[in-house]
N, C-alpha and C. Protein backbone atom coordinates (compact mmCIF):
# COMPACT_ATOMS: atom_id res chain seq x y z
N MET A 1 -102.34 146.23 24.84
CA MET A 1 -101.51 146.08 23.67
C MET A 1 -100.60 144.88 23.88
N GLU A 2 -100.46 144.10 22.85
CA GLU A 2 -99.57 142.94 22.90
C GLU A 2 -98.44 143.17 21.90
N ILE A 3 -97.21 142.99 22.35
CA ILE A 3 -96.04 143.14 21.48
C ILE A 3 -95.44 141.76 21.27
N ILE A 4 -95.28 141.40 20.01
CA ILE A 4 -94.69 140.10 19.68
C ILE A 4 -93.57 140.29 18.68
N LYS A 5 -92.64 139.37 18.67
CA LYS A 5 -91.57 139.38 17.69
C LYS A 5 -92.13 138.81 16.38
N LEU A 6 -91.93 139.53 15.30
CA LEU A 6 -92.42 139.06 14.01
C LEU A 6 -91.67 137.81 13.57
N GLN A 7 -92.38 136.94 12.94
CA GLN A 7 -91.78 135.78 12.29
C GLN A 7 -91.48 136.18 10.85
N LYS A 8 -90.61 135.45 10.23
CA LYS A 8 -90.20 135.79 8.87
C LYS A 8 -91.39 135.89 7.92
N ASN A 9 -92.35 135.01 8.06
CA ASN A 9 -93.49 135.02 7.14
C ASN A 9 -94.48 136.15 7.43
N ASP A 10 -94.27 136.92 8.52
CA ASP A 10 -95.12 138.07 8.85
C ASP A 10 -94.57 139.38 8.29
N ILE A 11 -93.33 139.39 7.87
CA ILE A 11 -92.66 140.64 7.52
C ILE A 11 -93.31 141.34 6.34
N LYS A 12 -93.65 140.63 5.31
CA LYS A 12 -94.24 141.26 4.13
C LYS A 12 -95.54 141.99 4.49
N ASN A 13 -96.41 141.35 5.26
CA ASN A 13 -97.66 141.99 5.67
C ASN A 13 -97.40 143.20 6.56
N ALA A 14 -96.44 143.10 7.46
CA ALA A 14 -96.12 144.21 8.34
C ALA A 14 -95.60 145.41 7.54
N LEU A 15 -94.74 145.16 6.58
CA LEU A 15 -94.21 146.24 5.75
C LEU A 15 -95.29 146.88 4.90
N ASN A 16 -96.21 146.07 4.42
CA ASN A 16 -97.34 146.62 3.66
C ASN A 16 -98.19 147.53 4.54
N LEU A 17 -98.39 147.15 5.79
CA LEU A 17 -99.14 147.98 6.72
C LEU A 17 -98.41 149.29 6.99
N VAL A 18 -97.11 149.22 7.19
CA VAL A 18 -96.30 150.42 7.41
C VAL A 18 -96.45 151.37 6.22
N TRP A 19 -96.36 150.84 5.01
CA TRP A 19 -96.46 151.66 3.81
C TRP A 19 -97.85 152.29 3.69
N THR A 20 -98.89 151.52 3.96
CA THR A 20 -100.25 152.03 3.87
C THR A 20 -100.48 153.18 4.86
N VAL A 21 -100.03 153.00 6.09
CA VAL A 21 -100.19 154.03 7.11
C VAL A 21 -99.37 155.27 6.73
N PHE A 22 -98.15 155.06 6.27
CA PHE A 22 -97.31 156.18 5.85
C PHE A 22 -97.99 156.98 4.74
N GLN A 23 -98.50 156.29 3.74
CA GLN A 23 -99.16 156.98 2.63
C GLN A 23 -100.37 157.78 3.11
N GLU A 24 -101.13 157.21 4.01
CA GLU A 24 -102.36 157.87 4.46
C GLU A 24 -102.09 159.07 5.37
N PHE A 25 -101.11 158.95 6.27
CA PHE A 25 -100.95 159.97 7.29
C PHE A 25 -99.68 160.81 7.20
N GLU A 26 -98.68 160.38 6.50
CA GLU A 26 -97.39 161.07 6.54
C GLU A 26 -96.87 161.56 5.19
N ALA A 27 -97.16 160.87 4.14
CA ALA A 27 -96.53 161.12 2.85
C ALA A 27 -96.69 162.56 2.37
N THR A 28 -97.80 163.20 2.68
CA THR A 28 -98.01 164.57 2.20
C THR A 28 -97.01 165.55 2.80
N ASP A 29 -96.36 165.19 3.89
CA ASP A 29 -95.36 166.06 4.53
C ASP A 29 -93.95 165.84 3.99
N TYR A 30 -93.78 164.93 3.04
CA TYR A 30 -92.47 164.58 2.51
C TYR A 30 -92.35 164.94 1.04
N SER A 31 -91.12 165.20 0.63
CA SER A 31 -90.85 165.41 -0.80
C SER A 31 -90.92 164.07 -1.51
N ARG A 32 -90.94 164.12 -2.82
CA ARG A 32 -90.94 162.88 -3.61
C ARG A 32 -89.70 162.04 -3.27
N GLN A 33 -88.56 162.71 -3.12
CA GLN A 33 -87.32 162.00 -2.77
C GLN A 33 -87.42 161.38 -1.38
N GLY A 34 -88.02 162.10 -0.43
CA GLY A 34 -88.19 161.57 0.91
C GLY A 34 -89.08 160.34 0.93
N ILE A 35 -90.14 160.38 0.14
CA ILE A 35 -91.04 159.24 0.05
C ILE A 35 -90.32 158.04 -0.56
N GLU A 36 -89.53 158.27 -1.60
CA GLU A 36 -88.78 157.17 -2.22
C GLU A 36 -87.76 156.57 -1.25
N GLU A 37 -87.09 157.42 -0.48
CA GLU A 37 -86.12 156.93 0.49
C GLU A 37 -86.81 156.08 1.57
N PHE A 38 -87.96 156.54 2.03
CA PHE A 38 -88.71 155.76 3.02
C PHE A 38 -89.12 154.42 2.42
N ARG A 39 -89.58 154.45 1.19
CA ARG A 39 -90.00 153.21 0.51
C ARG A 39 -88.84 152.22 0.42
N LYS A 40 -87.65 152.73 0.10
CA LYS A 40 -86.47 151.86 0.04
C LYS A 40 -86.17 151.27 1.43
N PHE A 41 -86.30 152.12 2.46
CA PHE A 41 -86.01 151.70 3.83
C PHE A 41 -86.93 150.58 4.29
N ILE A 42 -88.17 150.59 3.83
CA ILE A 42 -89.11 149.55 4.24
C ILE A 42 -89.29 148.47 3.17
N SER A 43 -88.39 148.41 2.22
CA SER A 43 -88.52 147.38 1.17
C SER A 43 -88.34 145.99 1.78
N TYR A 44 -89.02 145.04 1.21
CA TYR A 44 -88.97 143.66 1.71
C TYR A 44 -87.54 143.12 1.65
N ASN A 45 -86.88 143.28 0.52
CA ASN A 45 -85.53 142.71 0.37
C ASN A 45 -84.56 143.28 1.40
N TYR A 46 -84.63 144.58 1.63
CA TYR A 46 -83.76 145.22 2.61
C TYR A 46 -84.03 144.66 4.01
N ASN A 47 -85.28 144.54 4.36
CA ASN A 47 -85.64 144.11 5.71
C ASN A 47 -85.48 142.62 5.92
N ILE A 48 -85.72 141.82 4.92
CA ILE A 48 -85.55 140.37 5.09
C ILE A 48 -84.07 140.04 5.26
N GLU A 49 -83.22 140.80 4.59
CA GLU A 49 -81.77 140.63 4.73
C GLU A 49 -81.36 140.94 6.18
N LYS A 50 -81.88 142.00 6.73
CA LYS A 50 -81.59 142.37 8.13
C LYS A 50 -82.15 141.31 9.09
N PHE A 51 -83.34 140.82 8.80
CA PHE A 51 -83.96 139.78 9.64
C PHE A 51 -83.07 138.54 9.66
N ASP A 52 -82.61 138.14 8.48
CA ASP A 52 -81.77 136.94 8.39
C ASP A 52 -80.46 137.10 9.14
N LYS A 53 -79.98 138.35 9.27
CA LYS A 53 -78.75 138.62 10.00
C LYS A 53 -79.01 138.79 11.50
N GLY A 54 -80.28 138.79 11.88
CA GLY A 54 -80.64 138.95 13.29
C GLY A 54 -80.63 140.39 13.75
N GLU A 55 -80.68 141.31 12.81
CA GLU A 55 -80.67 142.75 13.15
C GLU A 55 -82.05 143.29 13.37
């Protein structure tokens, strides 16, 4: 396994992968509200803001 730091232009694809995997394997265990909260947490705008701050 290779671990690399994501570049800014990789974030959108990474978040899409996270969402796809969540939907396939985890979403059925969550309420509609839980799914929406997770979706907000992995939103591009939220994460790009954190990336720009170095978080």
